[in-house]
Amino acid sequence: MGQVFGCIKVDQSTVTIREQFGKFDDVLEPGCHCVPWCLGSQMAGHLSLRVQQLDVRCETKTKDNVFVTVVASVQYRALADKAADAFYKLSNTREQIQAYVFDVIRACVPKLNLDATFEQKNDIAKAVEEELEKAMSHYGFEIVQTLIVDIEPDEHVKRAMNEINAAARLRVAANEKAEAEKILQIKRAEGDAESKYLAGLGIARQRQAIVDGLRDSVLAFSVNVPGTTAKDVMDLVLVTQYFDTMKEIGASSKSSAVFIPHGPGAVRDIASQIREGLLQGNAAQQ
């Protein structure tokens, strides 16, 4: 009914292009306007001033011959003071922006290796934005933001990259495990060496104490019993220890059967062997 009387309504964030006899006449801002159709005025169309987004998927090749799909997101809007240029100069704004995005991405990415493409995606986005801003400003559009939202290599390449990463992590883990085992073996060897050293000190001290005790016993017996020699006292001590050993073997319920020669001659031989061993040990210590 409003159009019959020449009145139209323009919504917020929208402008309307008015023509008169097919020629551009004016840009109508939001609100109510009079368009006398009887005088040749008519609405050519509407133009949104809202920020719009265009996602562009571009397949290209990197410097190291890896095919990737780069997804760029371009946010743009028409300028109110250049609404006529935005409405008349471009027949398809989205295709025009997509063509510029393809051109810049396919010029930048082939200069970079795959890893550098991921690292420098902000530089790629900046190059796309600068090129679009320079080109689209002549057509009445403003580039608000350009983002590289995704870089997708071929599925086989991604699988290979994951395998390389996994192998590197396994190699580091193996090195750490080997280093830990090395430390354990070193510490175990150091502990074993220290244990043997202390055990040797204990045995040496034990033998020295036995020798000192026997020496003191022999000297005391020789002083208190006139006419006895050190050899007689030593034989008596050894015979006493021999019988004590036999008693311990017989008293122990867990011991196995032990066959040894027994008799006065055998005792004399054992005493002689022990005496010679002790004298050789003392000679070696001196």
Protein backbone atom coordinates (compact mmCIF):
# COMPACT_ATOMS: atom_id res chain seq x y z
CA MET A 1 0.00 0.00 0.00
CA GLY A 2 2.91 2.35 0.80
CA GLN A 3 4.44 1.76 -2.61
CA VAL A 4 1.15 2.72 -4.23
CA PHE A 5 1.37 6.15 -2.58
CA GLY A 6 5.16 6.33 -3.21
CA CYS A 7 6.32 5.62 0.39
CA ILE A 8 8.91 2.98 1.28
CA LYS A 9 10.61 1.83 4.49
CA VAL A 10 14.35 1.14 4.71
CA ASP A 11 15.49 -1.15 7.53
CA GLN A 12 18.36 -0.50 9.92
CA SER A 13 21.89 -1.40 8.67
CA THR A 14 20.52 -1.32 5.13
CA VAL A 15 20.51 1.29 2.37
CA THR A 16 18.31 1.38 -0.71
CA ILE A 17 19.42 2.52 -4.14
CA ARG A 18 16.92 4.84 -5.86
CA GLU A 19 16.90 5.34 -9.62
CA GLN A 20 15.00 7.75 -11.81
CA PHE A 21 14.20 6.58 -15.30
CA GLY A 22 16.88 3.87 -14.93
CA LYS A 23 19.64 6.24 -13.77
CA PHE A 24 21.16 6.33 -10.27
CA ASP A 25 19.49 9.07 -8.26
CA ASP A 26 20.20 8.68 -4.53
CA VAL A 27 21.06 6.37 -1.65
CA LEU A 28 18.20 6.09 0.84
CA GLU A 29 19.24 5.59 4.47
CA PRO A 30 17.17 3.69 7.08
CA GLY A 31 13.76 5.23 7.67
CA CYS A 32 10.70 6.23 5.63
CA HIS A 33 11.14 7.81 2.19
CA CYS A 34 8.95 9.05 -0.62
CA VAL A 35 9.57 7.49 -4.01
CA PRO A 36 7.10 9.04 -6.52
CA TRP A 37 6.86 6.33 -9.13
CA CYS A 38 4.76 8.58 -11.27
CA LEU A 39 7.84 10.77 -11.79
CA GLY A 40 9.97 7.82 -12.86
CA SER A 41 11.51 7.06 -9.46
CA GLN A 42 11.94 3.45 -8.43
CA MET A 43 13.98 1.26 -6.08
CA ALA A 44 16.87 -0.51 -7.79
CA GLY A 45 17.71 -2.71 -4.83
CA HIS A 46 18.92 -2.95 -1.25
CA LEU A 47 22.49 -3.06 0.07
CA SER A 48 23.33 -4.47 3.51
CA LEU A 49 25.88 -2.59 5.62
CA ARG A 50 26.40 -5.48 8.03
CA VAL A 51 29.68 -7.32 8.32
CA GLN A 52 29.59 -10.43 6.15
CA GLN A 53 31.89 -13.43 6.18
CA LEU A 54 33.18 -15.47 3.29
CA ASP A 55 35.07 -18.75 3.85
CA VAL A 56 37.40 -19.63 0.99
CA ARG A 57 39.03 -23.04 0.56
CA CYS A 58 42.11 -22.88 -1.62
CA GLU A 59 44.22 -25.91 -2.59
CA THR A 60 47.86 -25.18 -3.33
CA LYS A 61 51.36 -26.69 -3.07
CA THR A 62 54.17 -25.83 -0.66
CA LYS A 63 57.85 -25.42 -1.52
CA ASP A 64 58.57 -29.02 -0.47
CA ASN A 65 55.86 -30.33 -2.85
CA VAL A 66 53.14 -31.01 -0.28
CA PHE A 67 49.57 -30.27 -1.33
CA VAL A 68 47.60 -28.40 1.32
CA THR A 69 44.14 -26.91 1.54
CA VAL A 70 44.20 -23.43 3.09
CA VAL A 71 40.92 -22.17 4.57
CA ALA A 72 40.71 -18.37 4.72
CA SER A 73 37.91 -16.47 6.41
CA VAL A 74 37.30 -12.94 5.05
CA GLN A 75 35.08 -10.50 6.93
CA TYR A 76 33.94 -7.50 4.88
CA ARG A 77 31.20 -4.89 4.65
CA ALA A 78 29.91 -2.24 2.26
CA LEU A 79 30.66 1.43 3.06
CA ALA A 80 27.64 3.69 3.37
CA ASP A 81 29.39 6.65 1.68
CA LYS A 82 30.34 4.41 -1.27
CA ALA A 83 27.08 2.48 -1.48
CA ALA A 84 26.61 3.36 -5.16
CA ASP A 85 30.03 1.90 -6.08
CA ALA A 86 29.35 -1.24 -4.01
CA PHE A 87 25.98 -1.71 -5.72
CA TYR A 88 26.88 -0.96 -9.35
CA LYS A 89 30.55 -1.80 -9.85
CA LEU A 90 30.52 -5.48 -8.87
CA SER A 91 28.07 -8.04 -10.12
CA ASN A 92 29.25 -10.76 -7.70
CA THR A 93 31.18 -9.53 -4.69
CA ARG A 94 31.86 -12.94 -3.17
CA GLU A 95 33.40 -14.38 -6.34
CA GLN A 96 35.57 -11.28 -6.70
CA ILE A 97 36.91 -11.62 -3.15
CA GLN A 98 37.47 -15.35 -3.64
CA ALA A 99 39.53 -14.70 -6.77
CA TYR A 100 41.83 -12.30 -4.90
CA VAL A 101 42.22 -14.77 -2.02
CA PHE A 102 43.18 -17.55 -4.44
CA ASP A 103 45.70 -15.28 -6.14
CA VAL A 104 47.48 -14.23 -2.92
CA ILE A 105 47.52 -17.66 -1.26
CA ARG A 106 48.83 -19.39 -4.37
CA ALA A 107 51.55 -16.75 -4.59
CA CYS A 108 52.64 -16.97 -0.93
CA VAL A 109 52.38 -20.64 0.07
CA PRO A 110 54.58 -22.09 -2.74
CA LYS A 111 57.48 -20.02 -1.32
CA LEU A 112 57.26 -21.76 2.08
CA ASN A 113 57.91 -25.27 3.34
CA LEU A 114 55.10 -27.10 5.10
CA ASP A 115 56.35 -26.34 8.60
CA ALA A 116 56.94 -22.69 7.70
CA THR A 117 53.39 -22.49 6.31
CA PHE A 118 51.98 -23.40 9.72
CA GLU A 119 54.36 -21.03 11.50
CA GLN A 120 53.73 -18.05 9.19
CA LYS A 121 49.98 -18.33 8.70
CA ASN A 122 49.54 -14.85 10.23
CA ASP A 123 51.85 -13.41 7.59
CA ILE A 124 49.78 -15.12 4.90
CA ALA A 125 46.58 -13.69 6.37
CA LYS A 126 48.13 -10.22 6.49
CA ALA A 127 49.18 -10.44 2.83
CA VAL A 128 45.66 -11.50 1.81
CA GLU A 129 44.12 -8.68 3.83
CA GLU A 130 46.42 -6.02 2.34
CA GLU A 131 45.72 -7.16 -1.21
CA LEU A 132 41.97 -7.31 -0.66
CA GLU A 133 41.89 -3.92 1.06
CA LYS A 134 43.76 -2.32 -1.81
CA ALA A 135 41.51 -3.90 -4.45
CA MET A 136 38.08 -3.79 -2.80
CA SER A 137 38.33 -0.18 -1.60
CA HIS A 138 37.79 0.90 -5.24
CA TYR A 139 34.47 -0.94 -5.23
CA GLY A 140 33.07 0.53 -2.02
CA PHE A 141 33.92 -2.37 0.34
CA GLU A 142 35.99 -2.46 3.51
CA ILE A 143 37.93 -5.57 4.60
CA VAL A 144 37.37 -5.86 8.34
CA GLN A 145 39.50 -8.93 9.07
CA THR A 146 41.18 -11.79 7.23
CA LEU A 147 42.01 -15.03 9.06
CA ILE A 148 43.72 -18.26 8.04
CA VAL A 149 41.54 -20.59 10.08
CA ASP A 150 42.91 -23.92 8.89
CA ILE A 151 45.74 -25.53 6.94
CA GLU A 152 44.96 -29.11 5.93
CA PRO A 153 47.74 -31.24 4.40
CA ASP A 154 46.95 -34.43 2.56
CA GLU A 155 45.84 -37.29 4.81
CA HIS A 156 48.95 -39.35 4.01
CA VAL A 157 51.17 -36.38 4.88
CA LYS A 158 49.42 -35.89 8.21
CA ARG A 159 49.82 -39.57 9.02
CA ALA A 160 53.53 -39.40 8.15
CA MET A 161 53.98 -36.28 10.30
CA ASN A 162 52.31 -38.01 13.23
CA GLU A 163 54.56 -41.05 12.78
CA ILE A 164 57.67 -38.84 12.70
CA ASN A 165 56.56 -37.09 15.86
CA ALA A 166 55.78 -40.38 17.57
CA ALA A 167 59.16 -41.84 16.55
CA ALA A 168 60.97 -38.78 17.90
CA ARG A 169 59.13 -39.05 21.21
CA LEU A 170 59.90 -42.78 21.42
CA ARG A 171 63.57 -42.06 20.77
CA VAL A 172 63.65 -39.50 23.57
CA ALA A 173 61.86 -41.92 25.90
CA ALA A 174 64.33 -44.70 25.01
CA ASN A 175 67.28 -42.40 25.71
CA GLU A 176 65.81 -41.39 29.05
CA LYS A 177 65.12 -45.01 29.97
CA ALA A 178 68.66 -46.06 29.00
CA GLU A 179 70.10 -43.19 31.02
CA ALA A 180 68.03 -44.22 34.03
CA GLU A 181 69.18 -47.85 33.72
CA LYS A 182 72.77 -46.65 33.40
CA ILE A 183 72.46 -44.64 36.61
CA LEU A 184 70.91 -47.63 38.39
CA GLN A 185 73.72 -49.94 37.26
CA ILE A 186 76.38 -47.43 38.32
CA LYS A 187 74.77 -46.94 41.71
CA ARG A 188 74.35 -50.69 42.11
CA ALA A 189 78.01 -51.27 41.22
CA GLU A 190 79.11 -48.53 43.60
CA GLY A 191 77.01 -50.04 46.37
CA ASP A 192 78.36 -53.52 45.67
CA ALA A 193 81.95 -52.24 45.69
CA GLU A 194 81.38 -50.35 48.94
CA SER A 195 79.76 -53.43 50.47
CA LYS A 196 82.67 -55.66 49.48
CA TYR A 197 85.15 -53.10 50.75
CA LEU A 198 83.42 -52.90 54.12
CA ALA A 199 83.10 -56.71 54.25
CA GLY A 200 86.84 -57.00 53.60
CA LEU A 201 87.56 -54.54 56.38
CA GLY A 202 85.34 -56.56 58.71
CA ILE A 203 87.07 -59.84 57.84
CA ALA A 204 90.50 -58.25 58.25
CA ARG A 205 89.56 -56.83 61.63
CA GLN A 206 88.04 -60.16 62.67
CA ARG A 207 91.21 -62.05 61.77
CA GLN A 208 93.37 -59.43 63.48
CA ALA A 209 91.25 -59.75 66.62
CA ILE A 210 91.57 -63.55 66.52
CA VAL A 211 95.34 -63.32 66.15
CA ASP A 212 95.62 -60.76 68.95
CA GLY A 213 93.42 -62.88 71.22
CA LEU A 214 95.43 -66.03 70.56
CA ARG A 215 98.68 -64.18 71.13
CA ASP A 216 97.48 -62.79 74.44
CA SER A 217 96.18 -66.21 75.50
CA VAL A 218 99.48 -67.90 74.65
CA LEU A 219 101.54 -65.32 76.49
CA ALA A 220 99.32 -65.46 79.57
CA PHE A 221 99.34 -69.28 79.66
CA SER A 222 103.14 -69.39 79.24
CA VAL A 223 103.63 -67.00 82.16
CA ASN A 224 101.17 -68.72 84.50
CA VAL A 225 102.27 -72.32 83.68
CA PRO A 226 106.05 -72.66 83.88
CA GLY A 227 107.74 -75.10 81.55
CA THR A 228 105.27 -74.73 78.68
CA THR A 229 106.16 -73.36 75.31
CA ALA A 230 104.11 -71.26 72.94
CA LYS A 231 103.75 -74.30 70.66
CA ASP A 232 102.21 -76.38 73.46
CA VAL A 233 99.74 -73.66 74.30
CA MET A 234 98.83 -73.20 70.62
CA ASP A 235 98.21 -76.91 70.18
CA LEU A 236 95.94 -76.89 73.23
CA VAL A 237 93.96 -73.92 71.94
CA LEU A 238 93.57 -75.45 68.50
CA VAL A 239 92.45 -78.78 69.93
CA THR A 240 89.92 -77.00 72.12
CA GLN A 241 88.55 -75.07 69.13
CA TYR A 242 88.46 -78.29 67.12
CA PHE A 243 86.25 -80.00 69.68
CA ASP A 244 84.06 -76.91 70.00
CA THR A 245 83.54 -76.99 66.23
CA MET A 246 82.62 -80.67 66.31
CA LYS A 247 80.15 -79.93 69.11
CA GLU A 248 78.51 -77.16 67.07
CA ILE A 249 78.20 -79.40 64.01
CA GLY A 250 76.56 -82.14 66.04
CA ALA A 251 74.20 -79.75 67.87
CA SER A 252 72.91 -78.03 64.73
CA SER A 253 69.76 -79.75 63.42
CA LYS A 254 69.95 -78.05 60.00
CA SER A 255 73.51 -79.05 59.17
CA SER A 256 74.24 -81.76 56.64
CA ALA A 257 76.46 -84.76 57.28
CA VAL A 258 80.16 -83.82 57.26
CA PHE A 259 82.83 -86.57 56.97
CA ILE A 260 86.19 -85.55 58.37
CA PRO A 261 89.13 -87.65 59.66
CA HIS A 262 89.00 -87.98 63.41
CA GLY A 263 91.72 -89.21 65.74
CA PRO A 264 94.85 -88.00 67.49
CA GLY A 265 96.83 -88.04 64.25
CA ALA A 266 94.14 -86.21 62.38
CA VAL A 267 93.89 -83.62 65.15
CA ARG A 268 97.66 -83.14 65.01
CA ASP A 269 97.52 -82.64 61.24
CA ILE A 270 94.70 -80.10 61.55
CA ALA A 271 96.57 -78.20 64.25
CA SER A 272 99.70 -78.14 62.13
CA GLN A 273 97.79 -76.84 59.10
CA ILE A 274 96.04 -74.11 61.10
CA ARG A 275 99.31 -73.06 62.72
CA GLU A 276 101.07 -72.81 59.38
CA GLY A 277 98.18 -70.81 57.93
CA LEU A 278 98.25 -68.32 60.79
CA LEU A 279 102.03 -67.93 60.60
CA GLN A 280 101.85 -67.35 56.84
CA GLY A 281 99.08 -64.76 57.37
CA ASN A 282 101.15 -62.91 59.96
CA ALA A 283 104.20 -62.98 57.71
CA ALA A 284 102.17 -61.58 54.83
CA GLN A 285 100.81 -58.74 57.00
CA GLN A 286 104.31 -57.82 58.16
